Protein backbone atom coordinates (compact mmCIF):
# COMPACT_ATOMS: atom_id res chain seq x y z
CA MET A 1 -22.57 16.26 9.45
CA LYS A 2 -19.17 17.93 9.27
CA ILE A 3 -17.89 17.23 5.78
CA GLY A 4 -15.65 19.63 3.91
CA PHE A 5 -15.03 19.91 0.24
CA SER A 6 -12.66 22.23 -2.60
CA LYS A 7 -1.35 9.75 32.08
CA THR A 8 1.59 11.24 33.88
CA THR A 9 2.44 14.77 35.05
CA ALA A 10 5.53 14.65 32.87
CA LEU A 11 3.45 13.77 29.84
CA ALA A 12 1.00 16.58 30.51
CA ALA A 13 3.83 19.11 30.69
CA PHE A 14 4.74 18.70 27.05
CA ALA A 15 1.85 16.72 25.58
CA LEU A 16 0.47 19.63 23.59
CA PRO A 17 3.54 20.23 21.41
CA ALA A 18 4.16 16.52 21.25
CA MET A 19 0.64 15.80 20.08
CA LEU A 20 0.65 18.65 17.62
CA LEU A 21 3.93 17.78 15.96
CA ALA A 22 4.46 14.07 16.39
CA ALA A 23 0.97 12.64 16.69
CA GLY A 24 -0.53 14.88 14.07
CA CYS A 25 -3.09 16.91 16.03
CA GLU A 26 -2.03 20.12 14.33
CA THR A 27 -4.36 20.48 11.41
CA VAL A 28 -3.42 23.66 9.64
CA MET A 29 0.18 23.29 8.49
CA LEU A 30 -0.22 22.23 4.89
CA GLY A 31 0.64 25.22 2.73
CA GLY A 32 3.71 26.99 1.45
CA GLY A 33 6.95 26.01 -0.21
CA ASP A 34 8.09 25.92 -3.81
CA LYS A 35 8.24 22.15 -3.86
CA GLU A 36 4.57 21.91 -2.93
CA THR A 37 3.73 24.29 -5.76
CA ASP A 38 5.76 22.13 -8.16
CA VAL A 39 3.79 19.05 -7.10
CA ALA A 40 0.48 20.84 -7.61
CA GLU A 41 1.47 21.97 -11.10
CA LYS A 42 2.62 18.50 -12.13
CA SER A 43 -0.36 16.66 -10.68
CA ALA A 44 -2.74 17.94 -13.36
CA GLY A 45 -1.85 14.63 -15.04
CA PRO A 46 -1.03 11.26 -13.49
CA MET A 47 2.26 11.19 -11.59
CA SER A 48 4.32 8.18 -10.71
CA LEU A 49 5.01 7.70 -7.02
CA GLU A 50 8.70 8.16 -7.78
CA ASP A 51 7.99 11.58 -9.30
CA VAL A 52 5.76 12.61 -6.41
CA LEU A 53 8.42 11.70 -3.87
CA ALA A 54 11.13 13.51 -5.80
CA ALA A 55 9.06 16.70 -6.12
CA ARG A 56 8.65 17.23 -2.37
CA SER A 57 10.59 19.69 -0.28
CA GLU A 58 14.05 18.83 1.00
CA GLU A 59 12.66 18.89 4.54
CA ASP A 60 10.05 16.26 3.71
CA ARG A 61 12.51 14.07 1.84
CA ALA A 62 14.92 14.16 4.77
CA ARG A 63 12.50 11.98 6.76
CA ASP A 64 12.17 9.28 4.11
CA ALA A 65 14.91 7.24 5.76
CA TRP A 66 12.65 6.80 8.79
CA ARG A 67 9.23 6.79 7.12
CA ASN A 68 10.01 4.81 3.94
CA PRO A 69 6.99 6.05 1.96
CA ALA A 70 7.66 4.14 -1.26
CA GLU A 71 8.09 0.81 0.50
CA THR A 72 5.22 1.46 2.90
CA LEU A 73 2.68 2.37 0.22
CA ALA A 74 3.80 -0.58 -1.90
CA PHE A 75 3.25 -2.91 1.06
CA PHE A 76 -0.27 -1.54 1.48
CA GLY A 77 -0.89 -1.85 -2.27
CA VAL A 78 -1.74 1.82 -2.84
CA GLU A 79 -2.22 2.64 -6.53
CA SER A 80 -2.69 5.97 -8.30
CA ASP A 81 -6.34 5.24 -9.15
CA ASP A 82 -7.32 4.24 -5.60
CA PHE A 83 -9.72 6.00 -3.26
CA VAL A 84 -7.50 6.49 -0.23
CA ILE A 85 -8.57 7.59 3.25
CA GLU A 86 -5.85 9.13 5.42
CA ALA A 87 -6.58 9.17 9.14
CA LEU A 88 -5.27 12.22 10.98
CA PRO A 89 -3.51 14.07 8.12
CA GLY A 90 -1.87 16.29 10.74
CA THR A 91 0.95 18.47 9.43
CA GLY A 92 0.51 16.94 5.98
CA TRP A 93 3.70 14.91 5.52
CA TYR A 94 1.90 11.90 4.04
CA THR A 95 -0.80 14.10 2.51
CA ARG A 96 1.90 15.66 0.35
CA VAL A 97 2.61 12.16 -0.96
CA LEU A 98 -0.87 10.69 -1.20
CA LEU A 99 -2.88 13.56 -2.61
CA PRO A 100 -0.66 14.34 -5.63
CA TYR A 101 -0.33 10.61 -6.31
CA VAL A 102 -4.09 9.91 -6.52
CA ALA A 103 -5.31 13.36 -7.62
CA ALA A 104 -5.56 12.65 -11.34
CA GLU A 105 -7.08 9.16 -11.32
CA GLY A 106 -8.24 8.37 -7.80
CA LYS A 107 -9.80 10.06 -4.79
CA TYR A 108 -8.50 11.27 -1.43
CA ALA A 109 -10.28 11.79 1.89
CA GLY A 110 -8.85 13.05 5.16
CA ALA A 111 -10.45 11.87 8.39
CA ASN A 112 -9.77 13.57 11.71
CA TYR A 113 -10.48 12.77 15.35
CA GLN A 114 -13.93 13.30 16.77
CA ASP A 115 -14.49 16.68 18.46
CA GLY A 116 -15.04 15.00 21.81
CA MET A 117 -11.54 13.53 21.81
CA TRP A 118 -9.58 16.77 21.92
CA PRO A 119 -10.27 17.71 25.55
CA LEU A 120 -9.26 14.18 26.53
CA ILE A 121 -5.90 14.05 24.75
CA LEU A 122 -4.72 17.68 24.92
CA PRO A 123 -3.68 19.13 28.29
CA ASP A 124 -5.61 22.28 29.20
CA PRO A 125 -6.73 23.08 25.64
CA THR A 126 -7.95 26.63 25.19
CA PRO A 127 -11.46 27.32 23.90
CA GLU A 128 -9.85 28.94 20.86
CA LEU A 129 -7.90 25.79 20.03
CA ILE A 130 -10.97 23.59 20.46
CA GLU A 131 -12.96 25.91 18.21
CA ARG A 132 -10.28 25.83 15.52
CA LEU A 133 -10.09 22.05 15.64
CA SER A 134 -13.88 21.85 15.38
CA THR A 135 -13.76 23.61 11.99
CA TRP A 136 -11.06 21.34 10.56
CA ALA A 137 -13.38 19.62 8.07
CA ASP A 138 -14.33 23.01 6.62
CA ASN A 139 -10.76 24.29 6.31
CA PHE A 140 -8.71 21.24 5.36
CA PRO A 141 -9.87 20.86 1.73
CA GLU A 142 -8.64 24.32 0.71
CA LYS A 143 -5.28 23.79 2.37
CA ALA A 144 -4.93 20.33 0.84
CA ALA A 145 -5.86 21.63 -2.61
CA ALA A 146 -2.71 23.76 -2.55
CA ILE A 147 -0.63 20.63 -3.04
CA ALA A 148 -2.56 18.87 -5.80
CA ALA A 149 -4.34 20.27 -8.83
CA THR A 150 -7.53 18.27 -9.34
CA ASP A 151 -11.07 18.89 -10.50
CA GLU A 152 -12.30 16.42 -7.92
CA PRO A 153 -13.11 17.86 -4.48
CA VAL A 154 -10.96 16.87 -1.54
CA VAL A 155 -13.14 15.18 1.07
CA ALA A 156 -12.64 15.88 4.78
CA TYR A 157 -14.68 14.54 7.66
CA GLU A 158 -14.44 13.76 11.35
CA PHE A 159 -14.78 10.19 12.47
CA GLY A 160 -18.45 9.64 13.18
CA ASP A 161 -19.47 11.92 10.31
CA ALA A 162 -18.31 10.01 7.25
CA PRO A 163 -20.35 10.80 4.12
CA ASP A 164 -22.92 8.07 3.54
CA GLU A 165 -22.57 8.27 -0.23
CA LEU A 166 -18.94 7.20 -0.04
CA LYS A 167 -19.41 4.22 2.23
CA GLY A 168 -18.29 0.96 0.69
CA THR A 169 -16.21 2.70 -2.00
CA ALA A 170 -12.71 3.22 -0.53
CA ASP A 171 -9.82 1.02 -1.58
CA VAL A 172 -7.37 1.78 1.23
CA ALA A 173 -7.55 3.41 4.66
CA LEU A 174 -4.28 4.44 6.29
CA PHE A 175 -3.80 4.93 10.03
CA ILE A 176 -0.21 6.17 10.24
CA ARG A 177 0.82 6.94 13.83
CA ALA A 178 -2.81 7.71 14.65
CA LEU A 179 -4.10 4.90 16.87
CA HIS A 180 -2.45 5.71 20.21
CA ASN A 181 -4.60 8.78 20.85
CA PHE A 182 -7.77 6.71 20.51
CA SER A 183 -6.47 4.55 23.32
CA ARG A 184 -5.46 7.61 25.35
CA ALA A 185 -8.92 9.11 24.99
CA GLY A 186 -10.63 5.95 26.19
CA GLY A 187 -14.29 5.26 25.67
CA SER A 188 -15.53 4.06 22.31
CA PHE A 189 -13.74 6.60 20.11
CA GLY A 190 -11.30 4.10 18.66
CA ALA A 191 -13.84 1.31 18.20
CA ASP A 192 -16.28 3.69 16.55
CA ALA A 193 -13.65 5.07 14.16
CA MET A 194 -12.46 1.60 13.22
CA ALA A 195 -16.03 0.38 12.63
CA GLU A 196 -16.78 3.40 10.45
CA THR A 197 -13.58 2.82 8.48
CA TYR A 198 -14.65 -0.76 7.91
CA ASP A 199 -17.92 0.55 6.47
CA MET A 200 -16.09 3.06 4.25
CA LEU A 201 -13.94 0.37 2.60
CA LYS A 202 -15.20 -1.79 -0.23
CA PRO A 203 -15.07 -5.57 0.26
CA GLY A 204 -11.43 -6.57 -0.13
CA GLY A 205 -10.27 -3.09 0.85
CA VAL A 206 -7.08 -2.62 2.85
CA LEU A 207 -6.53 -1.14 6.30
CA GLY A 208 -2.89 -0.08 6.60
CA VAL A 209 -1.43 0.69 10.03
CA VAL A 210 1.92 2.20 10.95
CA GLN A 211 2.20 2.67 14.70
CA HIS A 212 4.88 3.33 17.32
CA SER A 213 5.67 -0.18 18.49
CA ALA A 214 6.08 -1.13 22.14
CA PRO A 215 8.93 -3.49 23.08
CA GLU A 216 8.03 -7.15 23.08
CA GLY A 217 6.44 -8.10 26.39
CA ALA A 218 5.50 -4.54 27.34
CA THR A 219 2.16 -4.17 29.10
CA GLY A 220 -0.05 -1.51 30.63
CA ALA A 221 0.74 2.12 29.90
CA SER A 222 3.87 1.15 27.99
CA ALA A 223 1.81 -0.72 25.41
CA ASP A 224 -1.68 0.81 25.37
CA GLY A 225 -0.91 4.15 23.70
CA SER A 226 -0.56 6.18 26.88
CA VAL A 227 3.08 7.04 26.08
CA GLY A 228 2.64 6.75 22.32
CA TYR A 229 3.64 3.11 21.95
CA MET A 230 1.21 0.25 21.38
CA SER A 231 1.72 -3.48 21.31
CA VAL A 232 1.07 -5.40 18.12
CA GLU A 233 -1.46 -7.46 20.05
CA ASN A 234 -3.47 -4.37 21.02
CA VAL A 235 -3.51 -3.03 17.47
CA VAL A 236 -4.53 -6.38 15.98
CA ALA A 237 -7.29 -6.76 18.55
CA MET A 238 -8.60 -3.27 17.75
CA ALA A 239 -8.78 -4.00 14.02
CA GLU A 240 -10.18 -7.50 14.37
CA ALA A 241 -12.94 -6.26 16.67
CA ALA A 242 -14.20 -4.16 13.75
CA GLY A 243 -14.21 -7.15 11.41
CA PHE A 244 -10.84 -6.76 9.70
CA VAL A 245 -8.67 -9.79 9.00
CA PHE A 246 -4.96 -9.51 9.77
CA GLU A 247 -2.97 -10.27 6.64
CA GLU A 248 0.72 -9.48 7.01
CA ALA A 249 3.33 -7.57 9.03
CA SER A 250 6.46 -5.89 7.74
CA ASP A 251 9.61 -4.51 9.37
CA ILE A 252 9.82 -1.68 6.79
CA ASN A 253 9.56 0.97 9.51
CA ALA A 254 11.27 -0.91 12.33
CA ASN A 255 14.09 0.68 14.33
CA SER A 256 15.76 -1.73 16.73
CA ALA A 257 17.66 1.12 18.37
CA ASP A 258 14.45 2.40 19.93
CA GLN A 259 14.16 0.40 23.14
CA PRO A 260 12.18 2.56 25.58
CA ASN A 261 12.25 1.83 29.26
CA GLU A 262 8.95 1.35 31.06
CA GLY A 263 6.98 4.59 30.91
CA GLU A 264 9.32 6.37 28.47
CA ILE A 265 7.42 8.47 25.95
CA VAL A 266 7.85 8.22 22.20
CA TRP A 267 7.99 12.03 21.87
CA ARG A 268 11.44 12.12 23.50
CA LEU A 269 12.77 11.14 20.06
CA PRO A 270 13.15 13.18 16.87
CA PRO A 271 11.53 15.04 15.32
CA THR A 272 9.73 16.25 18.47
CA TYR A 273 12.52 16.23 21.09
CA ALA A 274 9.96 16.79 23.86
CA PHE A 275 12.72 17.32 26.46
CA GLY A 276 14.50 19.99 24.44
CA ASP A 277 18.27 19.69 24.67
CA ASP A 278 18.24 17.13 27.50
CA ASN A 279 19.83 13.94 26.16
CA ARG A 280 19.29 15.27 22.63
CA ASP A 281 22.42 13.64 21.21
CA ALA A 282 21.38 10.27 22.58
CA TYR A 283 17.89 10.60 21.17
CA THR A 284 19.27 11.71 17.81
CA ALA A 285 21.47 8.62 17.72
CA ILE A 286 18.38 6.44 18.27
CA GLY A 287 16.46 8.15 15.49
CA GLU A 288 12.71 8.11 15.00
CA SER A 289 10.57 5.52 16.74
CA ASN A 290 10.37 1.80 16.16
CA ARG A 291 7.17 1.27 14.16
CA MET A 292 5.07 -1.73 13.32
CA THR A 293 3.63 -1.89 9.79
CA LEU A 294 0.52 -4.05 9.58
CA ARG A 295 -1.85 -4.83 6.71
CA PHE A 296 -5.45 -5.86 7.32
CA ARG A 297 -8.21 -6.56 4.85
CA LYS A 298 -11.99 -6.25 4.84
CA PRO A 299 -13.31 -9.69 3.89
CA VAL A 300 -14.96 -10.18 0.53
CA GLU A 301 -18.47 -11.28 1.35
């Protein structure tokens, strides 16, 4: 058990940087920066969410207009004494919010993709990259600890290897822009991860999803995660298949300016700009992707 403590040619051409930066496959960029040090020093005692958000770096705060962390976490009901699971912590943007917020009174766990997924979602991954990703659960806790002072160990695991002793104890599990790669990988990866997350949550626990949202009526590759976007129907079906009950949707993270044509990839937009300077001004004007925000709940038995 690995647990750590303390479809198109065009897509393949740039999928690696897009996955690493936008979809969160990069798993080492969590350290550095005075603001992160400030958060760690303050988090020895309970911090309000307002204080946590204010203590972050200017670069992180610049994305709040698109990611709306205060409103999003309020919608999901996240409290400072919760046990929160973050799927695909990636470059750590939400980790730098969640971990300092729950460090003093709650618990945090990061959950990453299964090892077998990486060759399926990364184009021509090198053996060195695959090896580094395979040790994520060992390395993440130390990197995460740099942003929150806590006596409690940071938990890290890959889907499929969740610690048995923590099953049925989590209050909230967050899948923020993480579901599309399960669909891209195919097989049972997504269903298995969702079923395991269901087991990790206590009865009444919340599954919170923020996901690049396909235009209404989109089908096929434009709505199944292949180009980053998913339909609400596909996401709801994925969660309900694991036993979750859909509770409510919000437009907190919606962006009506993002209206992709059939087959257009989400990574054309900021912050990734997968096409470099091509149409950059137009993509900047659109802003970050249109995102659904959905709350599900594990039934109380």
